[in-house]
Amino acid sequence: MISKNRTLIVALLTVLSMAVCFVLRARDMPDAIPDAMLSDAPPAASTAAQALPVNITPDEQITTAEKKAFAPSSLTIMQAKQEFSETQETQDEQEIQADQNLETPDEASRVYIGTFQVYGYDPFCYHCNGKTDGITASGLKATFGQTVAMKGYPFGTKLYIEGLGEYIVEDRGVGSGIIDVACKNHAACHTVTGKYDVYIVA
């Protein structure tokens, strides 16, 4: 009887000892397991992977050398500016050459008749014109910026006085080689006085 009880006690002590060992081993086990394995969260991405754009995989990364190859250098920008400047100068030269070669209809219709002495006169001034009504020898009333008096050319003749513009012979002149231009006041008369090249406009 005593022998059976001793055997039972030994068995119970063995089971208890195994249980204690299991508990101790289970308690010490987390210390040996990395925190990353105990966490339910997915492993954190590496710094290099985090730096990548969302839609770019590591295989699609552009290397530093490639970035430098694509980046415009100051030399490239200067060359582009120089090429643009040269192109612009060429276009300007072509436009100037075209303007020089192009003869406008107005220029083509002008016939040079010589250099004339031009004087200004006020058609409404008695001292300038001998009357104050402004009526010219053609019967028309003088118009500032249009009417001129000229000898030897019929009324209605269109003239181009270089530097002053286009005029129409509507009054009789006082002498050959002289053109009188109708002006609105004496100050304007002094302004236009001088020698000018004159053309007939066909």
C-alpha atoms as a PDB file:
ATOM      1  CA  MET A   1       0.000   0.000   0.000  1.00  0.00           C
ATOM      2  CA  ILE A   2       2.775   2.346   0.963  1.00  0.00           C
ATOM      3  CA  SER A   3       4.628   1.464  -2.223  1.00  0.00           C
ATOM      4  CA  LYS A   4       1.627   2.432  -4.385  1.00  0.00           C
ATOM      5  CA  ASN A   5       1.226   5.753  -2.626  1.00  0.00           C
ATOM      6  CA  ARG A   6       4.889   6.549  -3.136  1.00  0.00           C
ATOM      7  CA  THR A   7       4.620   5.770  -6.833  1.00  0.00           C
ATOM      8  CA  LEU A   8       1.560   8.053  -7.151  1.00  0.00           C
ATOM      9  CA  ILE A   9       3.351  10.898  -5.367  1.00  0.00           C
ATOM     10  CA  VAL A  10       6.384  10.581  -7.638  1.00  0.00           C
ATOM     11  CA  ALA A  11       4.123  10.689 -10.710  1.00  0.00           C
ATOM     12  CA  LEU A  12       2.325  13.795  -9.439  1.00  0.00           C
ATOM     13  CA  LEU A  13       5.620  15.523  -8.684  1.00  0.00           C
ATOM     14  CA  THR A  14       6.870  14.682 -12.191  1.00  0.00           C
ATOM     15  CA  VAL A  15       3.739  16.136 -13.827  1.00  0.00           C
ATOM     16  CA  LEU A  16       3.943  19.246 -11.642  1.00  0.00           C
ATOM     17  CA  SER A  17       7.610  19.715 -12.504  1.00  0.00           C
ATOM     18  CA  MET A  18       6.873  19.482 -16.233  1.00  0.00           C
ATOM     19  CA  ALA A  19       4.033  21.998 -15.887  1.00  0.00           C
ATOM     20  CA  VAL A  20       6.302  24.442 -14.077  1.00  0.00           C
ATOM     21  CA  CYS A  21       8.976  24.078 -16.758  1.00  0.00           C
ATOM     22  CA  PHE A  22       6.392  24.680 -19.520  1.00  0.00           C
ATOM     23  CA  VAL A  23       5.101  27.816 -17.813  1.00  0.00           C
ATOM     24  CA  LEU A  24       8.597  29.185 -17.307  1.00  0.00           C
ATOM     25  CA  ARG A  25       9.561  28.454 -20.912  1.00  0.00           C
ATOM     26  CA  ALA A  26       6.395  30.132 -22.232  1.00  0.00           C
ATOM     27  CA  ARG A  27       7.126  33.214 -20.121  1.00  0.00           C
ATOM     28  CA  ASP A  28      10.704  33.523 -21.342  1.00  0.00           C
ATOM     29  CA  MET A  29       9.894  32.842 -25.025  1.00  0.00           C
ATOM     30  CA  PRO A  30       8.676  36.445 -26.039  1.00  0.00           C
ATOM     31  CA  ASP A  31      12.054  37.856 -25.084  1.00  0.00           C
ATOM     32  CA  ALA A  32      13.680  35.681 -27.707  1.00  0.00           C
ATOM     33  CA  ILE A  33      11.171  36.566 -30.451  1.00  0.00           C
ATOM     34  CA  PRO A  34      11.734  39.841 -32.387  1.00  0.00           C
ATOM     35  CA  ASP A  35       9.114  42.554 -31.817  1.00  0.00           C
ATOM     36  CA  ALA A  36       8.369  42.609 -35.521  1.00  0.00           C
ATOM     37  CA  MET A  37       7.150  38.972 -35.349  1.00  0.00           C
ATOM     38  CA  LEU A  38       4.905  39.632 -32.320  1.00  0.00           C
ATOM     39  CA  SER A  39       3.225  42.694 -33.932  1.00  0.00           C
ATOM     40  CA  ASP A  40       0.063  42.283 -35.987  1.00  0.00           C
ATOM     41  CA  ALA A  41       1.039  45.271 -38.186  1.00  0.00           C
ATOM     42  CA  PRO A  42       2.825  44.649 -41.497  1.00  0.00           C
ATOM     43  CA  PRO A  43       6.572  45.302 -41.525  1.00  0.00           C
ATOM     44  CA  ALA A  44       7.535  48.909 -42.135  1.00  0.00           C
ATOM     45  CA  ALA A  45       8.906  49.794 -45.526  1.00  0.00           C
ATOM     46  CA  SER A  46      12.542  50.690 -45.832  1.00  0.00           C
ATOM     47  CA  THR A  47      13.650  54.310 -46.058  1.00  0.00           C
ATOM     48  CA  ALA A  48      14.584  53.888 -49.705  1.00  0.00           C
ATOM     49  CA  ALA A  49      11.207  52.393 -50.539  1.00  0.00           C
ATOM     50  CA  GLN A  50       9.383  55.170 -48.646  1.00  0.00           C
ATOM     51  CA  ALA A  51      11.238  57.805 -50.639  1.00  0.00           C
ATOM     52  CA  LEU A  52       9.919  56.410 -53.917  1.00  0.00           C
ATOM     53  CA  PRO A  53       6.738  57.822 -55.510  1.00  0.00           C
ATOM     54  CA  VAL A  54       3.674  55.679 -55.127  1.00  0.00           C
ATOM     55  CA  ASN A  55       3.468  54.741 -58.806  1.00  0.00           C
ATOM     56  CA  ILE A  56       7.182  54.051 -59.318  1.00  0.00           C
ATOM     57  CA  THR A  57       8.751  50.709 -58.513  1.00  0.00           C
ATOM     58  CA  PRO A  58      12.390  50.387 -57.491  1.00  0.00           C
ATOM     59  CA  ASP A  59      13.218  49.101 -60.974  1.00  0.00           C
ATOM     60  CA  GLU A  60      11.877  52.320 -62.477  1.00  0.00           C
ATOM     61  CA  GLN A  61      14.083  54.635 -60.416  1.00  0.00           C
ATOM     62  CA  ILE A  62      16.111  57.205 -62.339  1.00  0.00           C
ATOM     63  CA  THR A  63      19.729  57.145 -61.354  1.00  0.00           C
ATOM     64  CA  THR A  64      21.643  60.294 -60.446  1.00  0.00           C
ATOM     65  CA  ALA A  65      23.640  60.071 -63.668  1.00  0.00           C
ATOM     66  CA  GLU A  66      20.431  59.884 -65.703  1.00  0.00           C
ATOM     67  CA  LYS A  67      18.990  62.880 -63.861  1.00  0.00           C
ATOM     68  CA  LYS A  68      22.098  64.901 -64.696  1.00  0.00           C
ATOM     69  CA  ALA A  69      21.828  63.840 -68.314  1.00  0.00           C
ATOM     70  CA  PHE A  70      18.231  65.080 -68.528  1.00  0.00           C
ATOM     71  CA  ALA A  71      18.769  68.266 -66.474  1.00  0.00           C
ATOM     72  CA  PRO A  72      19.500  71.330 -68.688  1.00  0.00           C
ATOM     73  CA  SER A  73      22.904  72.784 -67.972  1.00  0.00           C
ATOM     74  CA  SER A  74      23.717  76.489 -68.062  1.00  0.00           C
ATOM     75  CA  LEU A  75      25.765  75.882 -71.209  1.00  0.00           C
ATOM     76  CA  THR A  76      22.768  74.334 -72.983  1.00  0.00           C
ATOM     77  CA  ILE A  77      20.577  77.307 -72.019  1.00  0.00           C
ATOM     78  CA  MET A  78      23.190  79.773 -73.283  1.00  0.00           C
ATOM     79  CA  GLN A  79      23.442  77.905 -76.586  1.00  0.00           C
ATOM     80  CA  ALA A  80      19.665  77.983 -76.978  1.00  0.00           C
ATOM     81  CA  LYS A  81      19.593  81.728 -76.296  1.00  0.00           C
ATOM     82  CA  GLN A  82      22.381  82.323 -78.809  1.00  0.00           C
ATOM     83  CA  GLU A  83      20.609  80.262 -81.474  1.00  0.00           C
ATOM     84  CA  PHE A  84      17.358  82.150 -80.867  1.00  0.00           C
ATOM     85  CA  SER A  85      19.180  85.491 -81.094  1.00  0.00           C
ATOM     86  CA  GLU A  86      20.860  84.499 -84.361  1.00  0.00           C
ATOM     87  CA  THR A  87      17.544  83.312 -85.782  1.00  0.00           C
ATOM     88  CA  GLN A  88      15.857  86.580 -84.791  1.00  0.00           C
ATOM     89  CA  GLU A  89      18.645  88.637 -86.375  1.00  0.00           C
ATOM     90  CA  THR A  90      18.342  86.631 -89.582  1.00  0.00           C
ATOM     91  CA  GLN A  91      14.578  87.222 -89.693  1.00  0.00           C
ATOM     92  CA  ASP A  92      15.083  90.962 -89.075  1.00  0.00           C
ATOM     93  CA  GLU A  93      17.637  91.149 -91.883  1.00  0.00           C
ATOM     94  CA  GLN A  94      15.289  89.317 -94.233  1.00  0.00           C
ATOM     95  CA  GLU A  95      12.442  91.689 -93.378  1.00  0.00           C
ATOM     96  CA  ILE A  96      14.662  94.727 -93.931  1.00  0.00           C
ATOM     97  CA  GLN A  97      15.838  93.331 -97.268  1.00  0.00           C
ATOM     98  CA  ALA A  98      12.230  92.645 -98.261  1.00  0.00           C
ATOM     99  CA  ASP A  99      11.247  96.218 -97.357  1.00  0.00           C
ATOM    100  CA  GLN A 100      14.123  97.583 -99.421  1.00  0.00           C
ATOM    101  CA  ASN A 101      13.197  95.481-102.431  1.00  0.00           C
ATOM    102  CA  LEU A 102       9.462  96.124-102.143  1.00  0.00           C
ATOM    103  CA  GLU A 103       8.218  99.187-103.996  1.00  0.00           C
ATOM    104  CA  THR A 104       4.868 100.387-102.685  1.00  0.00           C
ATOM    105  CA  PRO A 105       2.198 101.516-105.172  1.00  0.00           C
ATOM    106  CA  ASP A 106       2.408 105.092-103.867  1.00  0.00           C
ATOM    107  CA  GLU A 107       6.167 105.233-104.441  1.00  0.00           C
ATOM    108  CA  ALA A 108       5.796 103.648-107.866  1.00  0.00           C
ATOM    109  CA  SER A 109       3.242 106.268-108.900  1.00  0.00           C
ATOM    110  CA  ARG A 110       5.399 109.261-107.936  1.00  0.00           C
ATOM    111  CA  VAL A 111       7.337 111.227-110.534  1.00  0.00           C
ATOM    112  CA  TYR A 112      10.135 113.419-109.278  1.00  0.00           C
ATOM    113  CA  ILE A 113       9.990 117.011-110.609  1.00  0.00           C
ATOM    114  CA  GLY A 114      12.764 118.656-108.608  1.00  0.00           C
ATOM    115  CA  THR A 115      13.602 120.592-105.476  1.00  0.00           C
ATOM    116  CA  PHE A 116      11.299 123.514-104.694  1.00  0.00           C
ATOM    117  CA  GLN A 117      11.335 126.388-102.262  1.00  0.00           C
ATOM    118  CA  VAL A 118       8.285 125.986-100.025  1.00  0.00           C
ATOM    119  CA  TYR A 119       6.655 128.833 -98.125  1.00  0.00           C
ATOM    120  CA  GLY A 120       3.663 128.794 -95.859  1.00  0.00           C
ATOM    121  CA  TYR A 121       0.794 131.254 -96.244  1.00  0.00           C
ATOM    122  CA  ASP A 122      -2.447 131.871 -94.396  1.00  0.00           C
ATOM    123  CA  PRO A 123      -5.298 131.970 -96.976  1.00  0.00           C
ATOM    124  CA  PHE A 124      -7.487 133.834 -94.475  1.00  0.00           C
ATOM    125  CA  CYS A 125      -4.887 136.512 -93.704  1.00  0.00           C
ATOM    126  CA  TYR A 126      -5.067 139.796 -95.645  1.00  0.00           C
ATOM    127  CA  HIS A 127      -1.329 140.435 -95.297  1.00  0.00           C
ATOM    128  CA  CYS A 128      -0.513 136.950 -96.661  1.00  0.00           C
ATOM    129  CA  ASN A 129      -3.189 136.593 -99.335  1.00  0.00           C
ATOM    130  CA  GLY A 130      -4.678 140.030 -99.956  1.00  0.00           C
ATOM    131  CA  LYS A 131      -8.109 138.811 -98.758  1.00  0.00           C
ATOM    132  CA  THR A 132      -9.701 137.003 -95.836  1.00  0.00           C
ATOM    133  CA  ASP A 133     -12.303 134.669 -97.344  1.00  0.00           C
ATOM    134  CA  GLY A 134      -9.892 131.821 -98.062  1.00  0.00           C
ATOM    135  CA  ILE A 135     -11.226 131.321-101.599  1.00  0.00           C
ATOM    136  CA  THR A 136      -8.481 130.164-103.979  1.00  0.00           C
ATOM    137  CA  ALA A 137      -8.007 130.913-107.699  1.00  0.00           C
ATOM    138  CA  SER A 138      -9.652 127.549-108.475  1.00  0.00           C
ATOM    139  CA  GLY A 139     -12.827 128.711-106.750  1.00  0.00           C
ATOM    140  CA  LEU A 140     -12.380 126.233-103.886  1.00  0.00           C
ATOM    141  CA  LYS A 141     -11.968 127.238-100.289  1.00  0.00           C
ATOM    142  CA  ALA A 142      -8.438 126.574 -99.073  1.00  0.00           C
ATOM    143  CA  THR A 143      -7.984 123.516 -96.869  1.00  0.00           C
ATOM    144  CA  PHE A 144      -5.164 123.302 -94.352  1.00  0.00           C
ATOM    145  CA  GLY A 145      -2.869 120.357 -95.049  1.00  0.00           C
ATOM    146  CA  GLN A 146      -4.154 120.033 -98.635  1.00  0.00           C
ATOM    147  CA  THR A 147      -4.112 123.272-100.637  1.00  0.00           C
ATOM    148  CA  VAL A 148      -0.970 124.572-102.327  1.00  0.00           C
ATOM    149  CA  ALA A 149      -0.387 127.405-104.777  1.00  0.00           C
ATOM    150  CA  MET A 150       1.951 126.511-107.643  1.00  0.00           C
ATOM    151  CA  LYS A 151       2.768 128.084-110.988  1.00  0.00           C
ATOM    152  CA  GLY A 152       2.838 126.048-114.195  1.00  0.00           C
ATOM    153  CA  TYR A 153       0.681 123.114-113.037  1.00  0.00           C
ATOM    154  CA  PRO A 154      -3.089 122.784-113.527  1.00  0.00           C
ATOM    155  CA  PHE A 155      -5.531 122.818-110.670  1.00  0.00           C
ATOM    156  CA  GLY A 156      -6.132 119.378-109.252  1.00  0.00           C
ATOM    157  CA  THR A 157      -2.519 118.231-109.694  1.00  0.00           C
ATOM    158  CA  LYS A 158      -1.525 116.013-106.788  1.00  0.00           C
ATOM    159  CA  LEU A 159       1.891 116.612-105.296  1.00  0.00           C
ATOM    160  CA  TYR A 160       3.975 114.765-102.769  1.00  0.00           C
ATOM    161  CA  ILE A 161       6.289 117.076-100.842  1.00  0.00           C
ATOM    162  CA  GLU A 162       8.855 114.873 -99.139  1.00  0.00           C
ATOM    163  CA  GLY A 163       8.769 115.515 -95.414  1.00  0.00           C
ATOM    164  CA  LEU A 164       5.374 117.238 -95.494  1.00  0.00           C
ATOM    165  CA  GLY A 165       2.994 114.873 -97.293  1.00  0.00           C
ATOM    166  CA  GLU A 166       0.522 114.977-100.179  1.00  0.00           C
ATOM    167  CA  TYR A 167      -1.122 118.183-101.414  1.00  0.00           C
ATOM    168  CA  ILE A 168      -3.315 119.382-104.288  1.00  0.00           C
ATOM    169  CA  VAL A 169      -2.676 122.410-106.487  1.00  0.00           C
ATOM    170  CA  GLU A 170      -5.750 124.597-105.885  1.00  0.00           C
ATOM    171  CA  ASP A 171      -4.268 128.084-106.120  1.00  0.00           C
ATOM    172  CA  ARG A 172      -1.956 130.008-108.470  1.00  0.00           C
ATOM    173  CA  GLY A 173       1.656 130.355-107.504  1.00  0.00           C
ATOM    174  CA  VAL A 174       3.755 133.550-107.600  1.00  0.00           C
ATOM    175  CA  GLY A 175       6.840 132.209-109.384  1.00  0.00           C
ATOM    176  CA  SER A 176       8.569 129.145-110.807  1.00  0.00           C
ATOM    177  CA  GLY A 177      10.316 126.846-108.389  1.00  0.00           C
ATOM    178  CA  ILE A 178       8.128 128.054-105.528  1.00  0.00           C
ATOM    179  CA  ILE A 179       5.241 126.311-103.771  1.00  0.00           C
ATOM    180  CA  ASP A 180       3.008 128.038-101.230  1.00  0.00           C
ATOM    181  CA  VAL A 181       1.381 125.729 -98.670  1.00  0.00           C
ATOM    182  CA  ALA A 182      -1.842 126.797 -96.949  1.00  0.00           C
ATOM    183  CA  CYS A 183      -1.330 126.948 -93.159  1.00  0.00           C
ATOM    184  CA  LYS A 184      -3.672 127.780 -90.306  1.00  0.00           C
ATOM    185  CA  ASN A 185      -1.448 130.436 -88.701  1.00  0.00           C
ATOM    186  CA  HIS A 186       1.837 132.289 -89.083  1.00  0.00           C
ATOM    187  CA  ALA A 187       3.686 129.931 -86.726  1.00  0.00           C
ATOM    188  CA  ALA A 188       2.818 126.999 -88.997  1.00  0.00           C
ATOM    189  CA  CYS A 189       3.945 129.051 -92.006  1.00  0.00           C
ATOM    190  CA  HIS A 190       7.413 129.446 -90.499  1.00  0.00           C
ATOM    191  CA  THR A 191       7.535 125.744 -89.646  1.00  0.00           C
ATOM    192  CA  VAL A 192       7.029 124.483 -93.217  1.00  0.00           C
ATOM    193  CA  THR A 193       9.304 127.035 -94.903  1.00  0.00           C
ATOM    194  CA  GLY A 194      12.320 125.399 -96.561  1.00  0.00           C
ATOM    195  CA  LYS A 195      13.550 123.447 -99.592  1.00  0.00           C
ATOM    196  CA  TYR A 196      11.925 120.097-100.348  1.00  0.00           C
ATOM    197  CA  ASP A 197      12.019 117.398-103.019  1.00  0.00           C
ATOM    198  CA  VAL A 198       8.686 117.342-104.814  1.00  0.00           C
ATOM    199  CA  TYR A 199       6.935 114.585-106.773  1.00  0.00           C
ATOM    200  CA  ILE A 200       3.825 114.467-108.913  1.00  0.00           C
ATOM    201  CA  VAL A 201       1.462 111.690-107.828  1.00  0.00           C
ATOM    202  CA  ALA A 202      -0.007 109.970-110.891  1.00  0.00           C
END
